[in-house]
Amino acid sequence: MTTPTILSMQPLGFPWQTLDPFLFCVHHNDAYPQGNAAMGPAASLAGRNIGQDFAGKDGWSMYHGDTIPGFPSHPHRGFETVTITRQGLIDHSDSLGATARFGVGDVQWLTAGKGIVHCEMFPLVHTDQPNPAELFQIWLNLPARSKMVQPHFTMFWHEDIAHVNAVDTNGKATDVACVAGSLGNARGLPPPPDSWASQPDADLAIWTIKMQPGARWTLPAATGQGTRRMLYFFKGSALTIAGQAVPPASAVELRAGADAELVCGNDLTEVLVLQGRPIGEPVAQYGPFVMNTQAEIQQAFLDYRRTEFGGWPWPASDPVHPREQGRFAKHADGRVEAR
């Protein structure tokens, strides 16, 4: 009896379904209008639940922002956030004193470890045109031994991210961005040192795949033992995997140890792939804290109330950079990267 390539399939929810070692995955896609003088929307905010606006009214949300869309200062402990930008800009600031502006394909990888406070705001810098914003945010668990490591902030600039460019026999192209993990000769940039992704046997990969209409490409089998793989079909009208049709907006668990041929329909098709060997430890989560026991969660709340994870060094909970500021990162040690 042939072992199936597709193990399970379900509609994309909110957030997207994930497998250990991933905890959370969300796709934000907001058609923001022109910006105003404060880099907020040049549109009425009437009818929105400001501070908790996730409704997508008019094609966009303010999230927890009240002037500028985004997520003002909030804490994390015990896991990592990987933020993959596709359109728009994000202004980051954190309790370590680090700050950045990134976007248009850049990736931020943040190890929260023993505790960090950060904000992620979406400045609408264009006053004469719309400001579309699109991103993935992925939460990656940390093993128990790394839950309380020092926080670490890393930028992967889009110019440095390795790509696989394949053309099938009909001349149709597939492009794969290797945010993490290796694919053929393409190797992802080094993840933070305490990340599960840094373990040689974790077989962790984060790939975004873009296929021209009618393209055909084979996703190779994973090399690790016990690896699990999830594919998210989030853009396009038709896709077959190993000969089986997959409905649009689907989360598909694949048998990681098998090649999987992808054949897309007559429009641009995009998928996200998350894979890795499970950590296989108990998960206790309450909001922004992810530990192994409820006692550790209670301690996280106590520590945050007592220390605020180092305090907040910025004059507001939702700081943004000047409109004309380009992409950059200033690290806690004062090192500056500019793009």
C-alpha atoms as a PDB file:
ATOM      1  CA  MET A   1       0.000   0.000   0.000  1.00  0.00           C
ATOM      2  CA  THR A   2       1.412   3.395  -1.021  1.00  0.00           C
ATOM      3  CA  THR A   3       1.970   5.858   1.823  1.00  0.00           C
ATOM      4  CA  PRO A   4       0.166   9.132   1.012  1.00  0.00           C
ATOM      5  CA  THR A   5       2.131  12.345   0.551  1.00  0.00           C
ATOM      6  CA  ILE A   6      -0.691  14.459   2.015  1.00  0.00           C
ATOM      7  CA  LEU A   7      -1.356  13.475   5.631  1.00  0.00           C
ATOM      8  CA  SER A   8      -4.086  16.013   6.413  1.00  0.00           C
ATOM      9  CA  MET A   9      -5.741  19.066   4.922  1.00  0.00           C
ATOM     10  CA  GLN A  10      -7.899  21.790   6.453  1.00  0.00           C
ATOM     11  CA  PRO A  11      -9.044  25.333   5.668  1.00  0.00           C
ATOM     12  CA  LEU A  12      -6.795  28.138   6.863  1.00  0.00           C
ATOM     13  CA  GLY A  13      -8.056  29.545  10.146  1.00  0.00           C
ATOM     14  CA  PHE A  14      -6.989  32.535  12.208  1.00  0.00           C
ATOM     15  CA  PRO A  15      -4.298  32.057  13.292  1.00  0.00           C
ATOM     16  CA  TRP A  16      -3.055  29.402  10.887  1.00  0.00           C
ATOM     17  CA  GLN A  17      -2.690  25.887  12.254  1.00  0.00           C
ATOM     18  CA  THR A  18       0.877  24.934  13.215  1.00  0.00           C
ATOM     19  CA  LEU A  19       2.937  21.899  14.187  1.00  0.00           C
ATOM     20  CA  ASP A  20       5.583  21.614  16.933  1.00  0.00           C
ATOM     21  CA  PRO A  21       8.114  23.363  17.049  1.00  0.00           C
ATOM     22  CA  PHE A  22       5.954  26.207  15.645  1.00  0.00           C
ATOM     23  CA  LEU A  23       3.392  27.761  17.963  1.00  0.00           C
ATOM     24  CA  PHE A  24       1.575  30.351  15.870  1.00  0.00           C
ATOM     25  CA  CYS A  25       1.434  31.718  12.338  1.00  0.00           C
ATOM     26  CA  VAL A  26      -0.607  34.651  11.096  1.00  0.00           C
ATOM     27  CA  HIS A  27      -0.811  36.392   7.724  1.00  0.00           C
ATOM     28  CA  HIS A  28      -1.548  40.118   7.994  1.00  0.00           C
ATOM     29  CA  ASN A  29      -2.624  41.642   4.665  1.00  0.00           C
ATOM     30  CA  ASP A  30      -3.930  45.202   4.962  1.00  0.00           C
ATOM     31  CA  ALA A  31      -4.882  47.578   2.146  1.00  0.00           C
ATOM     32  CA  TYR A  32      -4.043  50.736   4.075  1.00  0.00           C
ATOM     33  CA  PRO A  33      -5.011  54.042   2.431  1.00  0.00           C
ATOM     34  CA  GLN A  34      -2.877  57.133   2.049  1.00  0.00           C
ATOM     35  CA  GLY A  35      -1.133  58.273   5.219  1.00  0.00           C
ATOM     36  CA  ASN A  36      -1.835  61.454   7.143  1.00  0.00           C
ATOM     37  CA  ALA A  37       0.628  63.841   8.805  1.00  0.00           C
ATOM     38  CA  ALA A  38       1.045  61.460  11.754  1.00  0.00           C
ATOM     39  CA  MET A  39       1.640  58.432   9.452  1.00  0.00           C
ATOM     40  CA  GLY A  40      -1.738  57.030  10.385  1.00  0.00           C
ATOM     41  CA  PRO A  41      -4.581  56.378   7.925  1.00  0.00           C
ATOM     42  CA  ALA A  42      -5.940  59.434   6.112  1.00  0.00           C
ATOM     43  CA  ALA A  43      -9.422  58.032   6.716  1.00  0.00           C
ATOM     44  CA  SER A  44     -12.073  58.094   9.398  1.00  0.00           C
ATOM     45  CA  LEU A  45     -11.579  55.665  12.289  1.00  0.00           C
ATOM     46  CA  ALA A  46     -15.260  55.828  13.199  1.00  0.00           C
ATOM     47  CA  GLY A  47     -16.832  52.454  13.816  1.00  0.00           C
ATOM     48  CA  ARG A  48     -13.570  50.785  14.773  1.00  0.00           C
ATOM     49  CA  ASN A  49     -12.840  49.246  18.171  1.00  0.00           C
ATOM     50  CA  ILE A  50      -9.680  51.292  18.652  1.00  0.00           C
ATOM     51  CA  GLY A  51      -7.106  49.363  20.656  1.00  0.00           C
ATOM     52  CA  GLN A  52      -8.643  46.049  19.601  1.00  0.00           C
ATOM     53  CA  ASP A  53      -9.394  46.529  15.904  1.00  0.00           C
ATOM     54  CA  PHE A  54      -8.994  43.197  14.095  1.00  0.00           C
ATOM     55  CA  ALA A  55     -12.207  43.353  12.053  1.00  0.00           C
ATOM     56  CA  GLY A  56     -10.642  44.247   8.690  1.00  0.00           C
ATOM     57  CA  LYS A  57     -13.147  47.032   8.033  1.00  0.00           C
ATOM     58  CA  ASP A  58     -12.505  48.606   4.585  1.00  0.00           C
ATOM     59  CA  GLY A  59      -9.770  46.009   4.027  1.00  0.00           C
ATOM     60  CA  TRP A  60      -7.496  46.991   6.913  1.00  0.00           C
ATOM     61  CA  SER A  61      -7.167  46.946  10.701  1.00  0.00           C
ATOM     62  CA  MET A  62      -5.614  49.233  13.290  1.00  0.00           C
ATOM     63  CA  TYR A  63      -4.848  46.215  15.555  1.00  0.00           C
ATOM     64  CA  HIS A  64      -3.789  47.631  18.948  1.00  0.00           C
ATOM     65  CA  GLY A  65      -2.733  51.024  17.561  1.00  0.00           C
ATOM     66  CA  ASP A  66      -4.814  54.145  18.099  1.00  0.00           C
ATOM     67  CA  THR A  67      -3.051  56.591  15.724  1.00  0.00           C
ATOM     68  CA  ILE A  68      -0.715  54.392  13.676  1.00  0.00           C
ATOM     69  CA  PRO A  69      -1.657  50.769  12.951  1.00  0.00           C
ATOM     70  CA  GLY A  70       0.306  48.082  14.705  1.00  0.00           C
ATOM     71  CA  PHE A  71       1.184  46.605  18.055  1.00  0.00           C
ATOM     72  CA  PRO A  72       2.427  49.048  20.744  1.00  0.00           C
ATOM     73  CA  SER A  73       4.769  47.824  23.481  1.00  0.00           C
ATOM     74  CA  HIS A  74       4.007  44.315  24.751  1.00  0.00           C
ATOM     75  CA  PRO A  75       6.081  41.589  26.457  1.00  0.00           C
ATOM     76  CA  HIS A  76       7.215  38.116  25.389  1.00  0.00           C
ATOM     77  CA  ARG A  77       9.021  35.276  27.153  1.00  0.00           C
ATOM     78  CA  GLY A  78      10.041  31.745  26.245  1.00  0.00           C
ATOM     79  CA  PHE A  79       9.889  31.663  22.437  1.00  0.00           C
ATOM     80  CA  GLU A  80      10.926  33.467  19.233  1.00  0.00           C
ATOM     81  CA  THR A  81       9.118  35.646  16.722  1.00  0.00           C
ATOM     82  CA  VAL A  82      10.008  35.487  13.029  1.00  0.00           C
ATOM     83  CA  THR A  83       8.455  38.356  11.051  1.00  0.00           C
ATOM     84  CA  ILE A  84       8.577  38.057   7.256  1.00  0.00           C
ATOM     85  CA  THR A  85       7.592  41.258   5.483  1.00  0.00           C
ATOM     86  CA  ARG A  86       6.131  41.272   1.975  1.00  0.00           C
ATOM     87  CA  GLN A  87       4.812  44.816   1.550  1.00  0.00           C
ATOM     88  CA  GLY A  88       5.031  47.958   3.664  1.00  0.00           C
ATOM     89  CA  LEU A  89       7.274  48.916   6.563  1.00  0.00           C
ATOM     90  CA  ILE A  90       7.552  47.950  10.229  1.00  0.00           C
ATOM     91  CA  ASP A  91       9.076  50.185  12.900  1.00  0.00           C
ATOM     92  CA  HIS A  92      10.497  48.111  15.763  1.00  0.00           C
ATOM     93  CA  SER A  93      11.660  49.274  19.201  1.00  0.00           C
ATOM     94  CA  ASP A  94      12.416  47.140  22.263  1.00  0.00           C
ATOM     95  CA  SER A  95      13.399  47.132  25.915  1.00  0.00           C
ATOM     96  CA  LEU A  96      17.014  46.316  25.024  1.00  0.00           C
ATOM     97  CA  GLY A  97      17.299  49.719  23.361  1.00  0.00           C
ATOM     98  CA  ALA A  98      17.319  48.227  19.869  1.00  0.00           C
ATOM     99  CA  THR A  99      15.264  49.807  17.101  1.00  0.00           C
ATOM    100  CA  ALA A 100      14.762  49.296  13.381  1.00  0.00           C
ATOM    101  CA  ARG A 101      12.762  50.027  10.265  1.00  0.00           C
ATOM    102  CA  PHE A 102      12.415  47.101   7.878  1.00  0.00           C
ATOM    103  CA  GLY A 103      10.133  45.877   5.117  1.00  0.00           C
ATOM    104  CA  VAL A 104       9.750  44.803   1.472  1.00  0.00           C
ATOM    105  CA  GLY A 105      11.045  41.272   1.995  1.00  0.00           C
ATOM    106  CA  ASP A 106      13.211  41.757   5.096  1.00  0.00           C
ATOM    107  CA  VAL A 107      12.908  39.329   8.017  1.00  0.00           C
ATOM    108  CA  GLN A 108      13.272  40.065  11.710  1.00  0.00           C
ATOM    109  CA  TRP A 109      14.133  37.157  14.029  1.00  0.00           C
ATOM    110  CA  LEU A 110      13.712  37.935  17.720  1.00  0.00           C
ATOM    111  CA  THR A 111      14.596  35.552  20.549  1.00  0.00           C
ATOM    112  CA  ALA A 112      12.501  36.657  23.517  1.00  0.00           C
ATOM    113  CA  GLY A 113      14.252  34.263  25.895  1.00  0.00           C
ATOM    114  CA  LYS A 114      13.910  35.327  29.530  1.00  0.00           C
ATOM    115  CA  GLY A 115      11.903  38.379  28.553  1.00  0.00           C
ATOM    116  CA  ILE A 116      11.675  41.324  26.204  1.00  0.00           C
ATOM    117  CA  VAL A 117       9.204  44.116  25.523  1.00  0.00           C
ATOM    118  CA  HIS A 118       8.872  45.356  21.953  1.00  0.00           C
ATOM    119  CA  CYS A 119       6.553  47.228  19.639  1.00  0.00           C
ATOM    120  CA  GLU A 120       5.768  46.667  15.947  1.00  0.00           C
ATOM    121  CA  MET A 121       4.151  49.650  14.233  1.00  0.00           C
ATOM    122  CA  PHE A 122       3.157  50.031  10.591  1.00  0.00           C
ATOM    123  CA  PRO A 123       3.896  53.642   9.565  1.00  0.00           C
ATOM    124  CA  LEU A 124       1.927  54.788   6.520  1.00  0.00           C
ATOM    125  CA  VAL A 125       4.708  56.841   4.957  1.00  0.00           C
ATOM    126  CA  HIS A 126       3.048  57.641   1.611  1.00  0.00           C
ATOM    127  CA  THR A 127       0.639  60.581   1.587  1.00  0.00           C
ATOM    128  CA  ASP A 128      -0.005  60.456  -2.173  1.00  0.00           C
ATOM    129  CA  GLN A 129      -0.745  56.753  -2.650  1.00  0.00           C
ATOM    130  CA  PRO A 130      -2.001  53.708  -0.713  1.00  0.00           C
ATOM    131  CA  ASN A 131       0.224  51.971   1.832  1.00  0.00           C
ATOM    132  CA  PRO A 132      -0.407  48.224   1.508  1.00  0.00           C
ATOM    133  CA  ALA A 133       1.134  46.159   4.307  1.00  0.00           C
ATOM    134  CA  GLU A 134       1.583  42.396   4.239  1.00  0.00           C
ATOM    135  CA  LEU A 135       3.565  40.126   6.527  1.00  0.00           C
ATOM    136  CA  PHE A 136       3.774  36.742   8.193  1.00  0.00           C
ATOM    137  CA  GLN A 137       4.459  36.492  11.887  1.00  0.00           C
ATOM    138  CA  ILE A 138       5.570  33.080  13.077  1.00  0.00           C
ATOM    139  CA  TRP A 139       6.147  32.021  16.671  1.00  0.00           C
ATOM    140  CA  LEU A 140       8.844  29.390  17.111  1.00  0.00           C
ATOM    141  CA  ASN A 141       9.118  27.589  20.436  1.00  0.00           C
ATOM    142  CA  LEU A 142      12.301  27.356  22.482  1.00  0.00           C
ATOM    143  CA  PRO A 143      13.281  24.136  24.289  1.00  0.00           C
ATOM    144  CA  ALA A 144      13.218  24.198  28.081  1.00  0.00           C
ATOM    145  CA  ARG A 145      16.983  24.650  28.303  1.00  0.00           C
ATOM    146  CA  SER A 146      16.728  27.875  26.258  1.00  0.00           C
ATOM    147  CA  LYS A 147      13.591  29.445  27.710  1.00  0.00           C
ATOM    148  CA  MET A 148      15.582  31.848  29.885  1.00  0.00           C
ATOM    149  CA  VAL A 149      18.444  32.786  27.567  1.00  0.00           C
ATOM    150  CA  GLN A 150      19.341  36.394  26.919  1.00  0.00           C
ATOM    151  CA  PRO A 151      17.095  38.089  24.334  1.00  0.00           C
ATOM    152  CA  HIS A 152      18.595  38.421  20.867  1.00  0.00           C
ATOM    153  CA  PHE A 153      17.590  40.591  17.895  1.00  0.00           C
ATOM    154  CA  THR A 154      18.616  39.694  14.322  1.00  0.00           C
ATOM    155  CA  MET A 155      17.797  41.208  10.920  1.00  0.00           C
ATOM    156  CA  PHE A 156      17.821  39.275   7.662  1.00  0.00           C
ATOM    157  CA  TRP A 157      17.847  41.912   4.928  1.00  0.00           C
ATOM    158  CA  HIS A 158      16.087  40.771   1.787  1.00  0.00           C
ATOM    159  CA  GLU A 159      19.189  41.402  -0.331  1.00  0.00           C
ATOM    160  CA  ASP A 160      21.008  38.717   1.697  1.00  0.00           C
ATOM    161  CA  ILE A 161      18.334  35.994   1.721  1.00  0.00           C
ATOM    162  CA  ALA A 162      19.192  33.040  -0.510  1.00  0.00           C
ATOM    163  CA  HIS A 163      16.771  32.031  -3.269  1.00  0.00           C
ATOM    164  CA  VAL A 164      16.260  28.948  -5.397  1.00  0.00           C
ATOM    165  CA  ASN A 165      15.179  29.827  -8.926  1.00  0.00           C
ATOM    166  CA  ALA A 166      13.892  26.875 -10.928  1.00  0.00           C
ATOM    167  CA  VAL A 167      12.431  26.729 -14.431  1.00  0.00           C
ATOM    168  CA  ASP A 168      10.382  23.707 -15.523  1.00  0.00           C
ATOM    169  CA  THR A 169      10.347  22.077 -18.955  1.00  0.00           C
ATOM    170  CA  ASN A 170       7.624  24.487 -20.104  1.00  0.00           C
ATOM    171  CA  GLY A 171       9.703  27.521 -19.138  1.00  0.00           C
ATOM    172  CA  LYS A 172       7.600  28.341 -16.071  1.00  0.00           C
ATOM    173  CA  ALA A 173       9.532  29.693 -13.083  1.00  0.00           C
ATOM    174  CA  THR A 174       9.371  28.935  -9.369  1.00  0.00           C
ATOM    175  CA  ASP A 175      11.190  31.121  -6.826  1.00  0.00           C
ATOM    176  CA  VAL A 176      11.861  29.909  -3.286  1.00  0.00           C
ATOM    177  CA  ALA A 177      13.125  32.290  -0.585  1.00  0.00           C
ATOM    178  CA  CYS A 178      15.090  30.355   2.053  1.00  0.00           C
ATOM    179  CA  VAL A 179      14.436  32.267   5.253  1.00  0.00           C
ATOM    180  CA  ALA A 180      15.706  29.294   7.267  1.00  0.00           C
ATOM    181  CA  GLY A 181      17.120  25.920   6.352  1.00  0.00           C
ATOM    182  CA  SER A 182      18.866  24.673   3.232  1.00  0.00           C
ATOM    183  CA  LEU A 183      17.365  23.812  -0.127  1.00  0.00           C
ATOM    184  CA  GLY A 184      19.770  22.478  -2.719  1.00  0.00           C
ATOM    185  CA  ASN A 185      22.696  24.899  -2.811  1.00  0.00           C
ATOM    186  CA  ALA A 186      20.726  27.695  -1.122  1.00  0.00           C
ATOM    187  CA  ARG A 187      21.323  28.091   2.582  1.00  0.00           C
ATOM    188  CA  GLY A 188      19.400  30.263   5.020  1.00  0.00           C
ATOM    189  CA  LEU A 189      21.220  32.907   7.029  1.00  0.00           C
ATOM    190  CA  PRO A 190      22.413  31.855  10.518  1.00  0.00           C
ATOM    191  CA  PRO A 191      19.524  32.000  13.001  1.00  0.00           C
ATOM    192  CA  PRO A 192      20.044  33.355  16.537  1.00  0.00           C
ATOM    193  CA  PRO A 193      22.457  31.195  18.538  1.00  0.00           C
ATOM    194  CA  ASP A 194      19.921  29.838  21.046  1.00  0.00           C
ATOM    195  CA  SER A 195      17.191  29.143  18.502  1.00  0.00           C
ATOM    196  CA  TRP A 196      15.883  25.635  17.954  1.00  0.00           C
ATOM    197  CA  ALA A 197      16.720  26.394  14.310  1.00  0.00           C
ATOM    198  CA  SER A 198      20.417  26.496  15.275  1.00  0.00           C
ATOM    199  CA  GLN A 199      20.395  22.856  16.363  1.00  0.00           C
ATOM    200  CA  PRO A 200      22.002  20.743  13.599  1.00  0.00           C
ATOM    201  CA  ASP A 201      19.385  17.986  13.887  1.00  0.00           C
ATOM    202  CA  ALA A 202      16.341  20.280  14.108  1.00  0.00           C
ATOM    203  CA  ASP A 203      15.908  20.191  10.295  1.00  0.00           C
ATOM    204  CA  LEU A 204      14.061  23.481  10.580  1.00  0.00           C
ATOM    205  CA  ALA A 205      13.048  25.341   7.445  1.00  0.00           C
ATOM    206  CA  ILE A 206      10.971  28.393   6.585  1.00  0.00           C
ATOM    207  CA  TRP A 207      10.447  28.799   2.839  1.00  0.00           C
ATOM    208  CA  THR A 208       8.194  31.081   0.820  1.00  0.00           C
ATOM    209  CA  ILE A 209       7.437  29.739  -2.658  1.00  0.00           C
ATOM    210  CA  LYS A 210       6.169  31.785  -5.611  1.00  0.00           C
ATOM    211  CA  MET A 211       5.124  29.954  -8.789  1.00  0.00           C
ATOM    212  CA  GLN A 212       4.324  31.452 -12.160  1.00  0.00           C
ATOM    213  CA  PRO A 213       0.954  30.460 -13.672  1.00  0.00           C
ATOM    214  CA  GLY A 214       1.121  26.839 -14.783  1.00  0.00           C
ATOM    215  CA  ALA A 215       4.477  26.162 -13.089  1.00  0.00           C
ATOM    216  CA  ARG A 216       5.538  22.738 -11.866  1.00  0.00           C
ATOM    217  CA  TRP A 217       8.156  22.201  -9.128  1.00  0.00           C
ATOM    218  CA  THR A 218       9.074  19.394  -6.756  1.00  0.00           C
ATOM    219  CA  LEU A 219       9.559  20.109  -3.069  1.00  0.00           C
ATOM    220  CA  PRO A 220      12.314  17.689  -2.040  1.00  0.00           C
ATOM    221  CA  ALA A 221      12.011  15.338   0.897  1.00  0.00           C
ATOM    222  CA  ALA A 222      13.279  16.506   4.268  1.00  0.00           C
ATOM    223  CA  THR A 223      16.539  14.982   5.407  1.00  0.00           C
ATOM    224  CA  GLY A 224      15.969  14.784   9.164  1.00  0.00           C
ATOM    225  CA  GLN A 225      14.464  11.994  11.213  1.00  0.00           C
ATOM    226  CA  GLY A 226      11.069  12.790  12.718  1.00  0.00           C
ATOM    227  CA  THR A 227      10.665  16.038  10.775  1.00  0.00           C
ATOM    228  CA  ARG A 228       7.131  17.357  10.272  1.00  0.00           C
ATOM    229  CA  ARG A 229       6.159  19.683   7.431  1.00  0.00           C
ATOM    230  CA  MET A 230       3.194  22.016   6.905  1.00  0.00           C
ATOM    231  CA  LEU A 231       2.419  23.794   3.630  1.00  0.00           C
ATOM    232  CA  TYR A 232       0.098  26.821   3.520  1.00  0.00           C
ATOM    233  CA  PHE A 233      -1.568  27.498   0.151  1.00  0.00           C
ATOM    234  CA  PHE A 234      -2.527  31.142   0.663  1.00  0.00           C
ATOM    235  CA  LYS A 235      -2.511  32.696  -2.821  1.00  0.00           C
ATOM    236  CA  GLY A 236      -3.826  31.284  -6.081  1.00  0.00           C
ATOM    237  CA  SER A 237      -6.915  29.467  -7.332  1.00  0.00           C
ATOM    238  CA  ALA A 238      -5.615  25.958  -8.022  1.00  0.00           C
ATOM    239  CA  LEU A 239      -2.824  23.706  -6.763  1.00  0.00           C
ATOM    240  CA  THR A 240      -2.163  19.990  -6.913  1.00  0.00           C
ATOM    241  CA  ILE A 241       0.297  18.275  -4.585  1.00  0.00           C
ATOM    242  CA  ALA A 242       1.488  14.815  -5.604  1.00  0.00           C
ATOM    243  CA  GLY A 243      -1.460  14.676  -7.989  1.00  0.00           C
ATOM    244  CA  GLN A 244      -4.090  15.586  -5.394  1.00  0.00           C
ATOM    245  CA  ALA A 245      -6.077  18.809  -5.761  1.00  0.00           C
ATOM    246  CA  VAL A 246      -5.818  21.217  -2.825  1.00  0.00           C
ATOM    247  CA  PRO A 247      -8.512  23.856  -2.257  1.00  0.00           C
ATOM    248  CA  PRO A 248      -7.389  27.506  -2.061  1.00  0.00           C
ATOM    249  CA  ALA A 249      -6.655  28.815   1.449  1.00  0.00           C
ATOM    250  CA  SER A 250      -5.634  25.413   2.831  1.00  0.00           C
ATOM    251  CA  ALA A 251      -3.163  24.175   5.428  1.00  0.00           C
ATOM    252  CA  VAL A 252      -1.685  20.860   4.312  1.00  0.00           C
ATOM    253  CA  GLU A 253       0.480  18.544   6.388  1.00  0.00           C
ATOM    254  CA  LEU A 254       2.857  16.682   4.085  1.00  0.00           C
ATOM    255  CA  ARG A 255       4.811  13.529   4.736  1.00  0.00           C
ATOM    256  CA  ALA A 256       8.176  15.204   5.211  1.00  0.00           C
ATOM    257  CA  GLY A 257      10.194  12.218   4.069  1.00  0.00           C
ATOM    258  CA  ALA A 258       8.714  12.253   0.557  1.00  0.00           C
ATOM    259  CA  ASP A 259       9.199  14.467  -2.468  1.00  0.00           C
ATOM    260  CA  ALA A 260       6.033  16.448  -3.280  1.00  0.00           C
ATOM    261  CA  GLU A 261       5.390  17.736  -6.788  1.00  0.00           C
ATOM    262  CA  LEU A 262       3.514  21.056  -6.827  1.00  0.00           C
ATOM    263  CA  VAL A 263       1.584  22.043  -9.949  1.00  0.00           C
ATOM    264  CA  CYS A 264      -0.250  25.355  -9.910  1.00  0.00           C
ATOM    265  CA  GLY A 265      -3.160  26.673 -11.933  1.00  0.00           C
ATOM    266  CA  ASN A 266      -3.448  29.556 -14.342  1.00  0.00           C
ATOM    267  CA  ASP A 267      -2.617  32.340 -11.920  1.00  0.00           C
ATOM    268  CA  LEU A 268       0.286  33.311  -9.674  1.00  0.00           C
ATOM    269  CA  THR A 269       0.472  30.864  -6.779  1.00  0.00           C
ATOM    270  CA  GLU A 270       2.225  31.290  -3.448  1.00  0.00           C
ATOM    271  CA  VAL A 271       2.750  28.967  -0.513  1.00  0.00           C
ATOM    272  CA  LEU A 272       4.582  29.075   2.813  1.00  0.00           C
ATOM    273  CA  VAL A 273       6.353  25.980   4.126  1.00  0.00           C
ATOM    274  CA  LEU A 274       7.226  25.451   7.799  1.00  0.00           C
ATOM    275  CA  GLN A 275       9.080  22.318   8.817  1.00  0.00           C
ATOM    276  CA  GLY A 276      11.121  21.049  11.718  1.00  0.00           C
ATOM    277  CA  ARG A 277      11.744  18.235  14.131  1.00  0.00           C
ATOM    278  CA  PRO A 278       9.361  18.645  17.068  1.00  0.00           C
ATOM    279  CA  ILE A 279      10.783  19.768  20.388  1.00  0.00           C
ATOM    280  CA  GLY A 280       8.387  17.344  22.061  1.00  0.00           C
ATOM    281  CA  GLU A 281       8.103  19.099  25.420  1.00  0.00           C
ATOM    282  CA  PRO A 282       5.038  20.265  27.366  1.00  0.00           C
ATOM    283  CA  VAL A 283       3.764  23.693  26.335  1.00  0.00           C
ATOM    284  CA  ALA A 284       2.162  26.054  28.839  1.00  0.00           C
ATOM    285  CA  GLN A 285       1.008  29.317  27.267  1.00  0.00           C
ATOM    286  CA  TYR A 286      -0.817  32.364  28.469  1.00  0.00           C
ATOM    287  CA  GLY A 287      -0.909  35.228  25.982  1.00  0.00           C
ATOM    288  CA  PRO A 288       2.630  36.445  25.277  1.00  0.00           C
ATOM    289  CA  PHE A 289       4.367  33.919  27.555  1.00  0.00           C
ATOM    290  CA  VAL A 290       5.198  30.347  26.492  1.00  0.00           C
ATOM    291  CA  MET A 291       6.830  28.073  29.043  1.00  0.00           C
ATOM    292  CA  ASN A 292       6.692  24.398  30.041  1.00  0.00           C
ATOM    293  CA  THR A 293       4.594  24.581  33.228  1.00  0.00           C
ATOM    294  CA  GLN A 294       1.854  26.752  34.688  1.00  0.00           C
ATOM    295  CA  ALA A 295       4.177  27.611  37.575  1.00  0.00           C
ATOM    296  CA  GLU A 296       6.642  29.077  35.060  1.00  0.00           C
ATOM    297  CA  ILE A 297       3.827  31.105  33.501  1.00  0.00           C
ATOM    298  CA  GLN A 298       2.918  32.523  36.905  1.00  0.00           C
ATOM    299  CA  GLN A 299       6.575  33.371  37.486  1.00  0.00           C
ATOM    300  CA  ALA A 300       6.698  35.144  34.113  1.00  0.00           C
ATOM    301  CA  PHE A 301       3.835  37.415  35.172  1.00  0.00           C
ATOM    302  CA  LEU A 302       5.488  38.099  38.522  1.00  0.00           C
ATOM    303  CA  ASP A 303       8.809  38.904  36.866  1.00  0.00           C
ATOM    304  CA  TYR A 304       7.189  41.199  34.323  1.00  0.00           C
ATOM    305  CA  ARG A 305       5.289  43.125  37.002  1.00  0.00           C
ATOM    306  CA  ARG A 306       8.491  43.456  39.034  1.00  0.00           C
ATOM    307  CA  THR A 307      11.040  44.268  36.323  1.00  0.00           C
ATOM    308  CA  GLU A 308       9.104  45.051  33.116  1.00  0.00           C
ATOM    309  CA  PHE A 309      11.853  42.946  31.516  1.00  0.00           C
ATOM    310  CA  GLY A 310      14.301  45.821  31.741  1.00  0.00           C
ATOM    311  CA  GLY A 311      11.850  48.698  31.383  1.00  0.00           C
ATOM    312  CA  TRP A 312      10.785  50.708  28.360  1.00  0.00           C
ATOM    313  CA  PRO A 313      13.407  53.269  27.251  1.00  0.00           C
ATOM    314  CA  TRP A 314      11.228  55.043  24.651  1.00  0.00           C
ATOM    315  CA  PRO A 315       9.050  58.149  25.195  1.00  0.00           C
ATOM    316  CA  ALA A 316       5.876  56.451  23.893  1.00  0.00           C
ATOM    317  CA  SER A 317       4.460  52.937  23.693  1.00  0.00           C
ATOM    318  CA  ASP A 318       4.221  53.191  19.886  1.00  0.00           C
ATOM    319  CA  PRO A 319       7.331  55.040  18.642  1.00  0.00           C
ATOM    320  CA  VAL A 320       7.950  55.374  14.903  1.00  0.00           C
ATOM    321  CA  HIS A 321      10.775  56.791  12.850  1.00  0.00           C
ATOM    322  CA  PRO A 322      10.630  59.896  10.643  1.00  0.00           C
ATOM    323  CA  ARG A 323       8.770  59.497   7.383  1.00  0.00           C
ATOM    324  CA  GLU A 324      11.945  59.824   5.301  1.00  0.00           C
ATOM    325  CA  GLN A 325      13.943  57.265   7.341  1.00  0.00           C
ATOM    326  CA  GLY A 326      15.199  54.330   5.278  1.00  0.00           C
ATOM    327  CA  ARG A 327      15.592  50.717   6.323  1.00  0.00           C
ATOM    328  CA  PHE A 328      18.041  50.260   9.190  1.00  0.00           C
ATOM    329  CA  ALA A 329      18.662  48.474  12.475  1.00  0.00           C
ATOM    330  CA  LYS A 330      20.345  49.791  15.586  1.00  0.00           C
ATOM    331  CA  HIS A 331      21.274  46.986  17.965  1.00  0.00           C
ATOM    332  CA  ALA A 332      21.437  47.113  21.738  1.00  0.00           C
ATOM    333  CA  ASP A 333      25.248  47.266  21.611  1.00  0.00           C
ATOM    334  CA  GLY A 334      25.099  50.387  19.397  1.00  0.00           C
ATOM    335  CA  ARG A 335      25.949  48.603  16.160  1.00  0.00           C
ATOM    336  CA  VAL A 336      24.043  50.085  13.216  1.00  0.00           C
ATOM    337  CA  GLU A 337      23.078  48.425   9.945  1.00  0.00           C
ATOM    338  CA  ALA A 338      21.746  50.671   7.166  1.00  0.00           C
ATOM    339  CA  ARG A 339      20.157  49.658   3.881  1.00  0.00           C
END
